[in-house]
Amino acid sequence: MYFNYKFYAESTWGVNNRTKRLAVIRTESMWSDVARIEELMGGDPTPILQNNVKYTHGSQSFAVKSGVSAEGSKALCCALRDEMAVYRDLVVAAINLSTTEKVETIRLVMNHCGIPAANTIAAETVISWPWADWECPIDFAPSSFNSTIASPVPTSSSSAVSAGPT
């Protein structure tokens, strides 16, 4: 990954002295987040909330949401621990989210990453979850990692491709 949360956070928010105020817009809560930002800037959020239109372009009817297995999600979360920490920092610093919204947002990520008891961990721990110290439950050995990311797609023997002369 070349341009990521860390890249943009460092270039806009800073590295060590993160004193700039920031707001976030979460995809799953876009309209309420935008309305809250409008309100914080002195505007009226009512028109935004009244026009709460959902554009999915048909994605809600897709049969497959993702080819990534639960174990694959854990593996990706392990590989992206630094990104997860920056995401957590952005959510925690957001001036447009309540403490409850911050905790719920981070818990969603923790659940997606397969962190045991994510829903029962104290809010203070969720807000400061140590992604860098999280002990990854995935074996990154090449033979197991490739099969962990996605479920294998069955192939017929007639479609097998030869690797070269025998």
Foldseek 3Di string as FASTA:
>chain_A
DPDALVNVCCVPQNDPDRPDAAADADPVRRLLSVLLVCVVVPHHSVVSVVPPDDDDVPPVPDPDPDQFDLLLQLVVLLVCLVRLQSVLVNLLRHPSDDLVRSLVVLLVSCVSNVPPPSVPDDSVCSSVPRSVPDDRPDDPDPVRNVCNGGPDDDDDPVPDDDPDDD
